[in-house]
């Protein structure tokens, strides 16, 4: 029973942390455009769709090809997402001392 309570607290903490991070990032990227709510909704929808699809696709791969193939599939999707973010996500932190966050491009 104690493990369940500890796990529940961990999930609540993670949810609060990611919610704050998403809002901060989205407010930096959409500052002055009036599209903060649209961006927040689109990202939340993408996270939900990704969670549903990853379970379905990885489960099918595991049934047909085994655990290792399912893990490699999910790891390759995560690596591709990291590479896309690394290459195309603009930096919002201004390193020249200005405290207002702006997109650098």
Foldseek 3Di string as FASTA:
>chain_A
DVVVVVVVVVVVVVVVVVVVVLLVLLCLACPPPPCSVVVVVVVVVVVVVVVVVLCVVLVVCCVVPNDVRSVVVVVVVVVVVVVCCVPPPFDQDDPPPDPRTHGPD
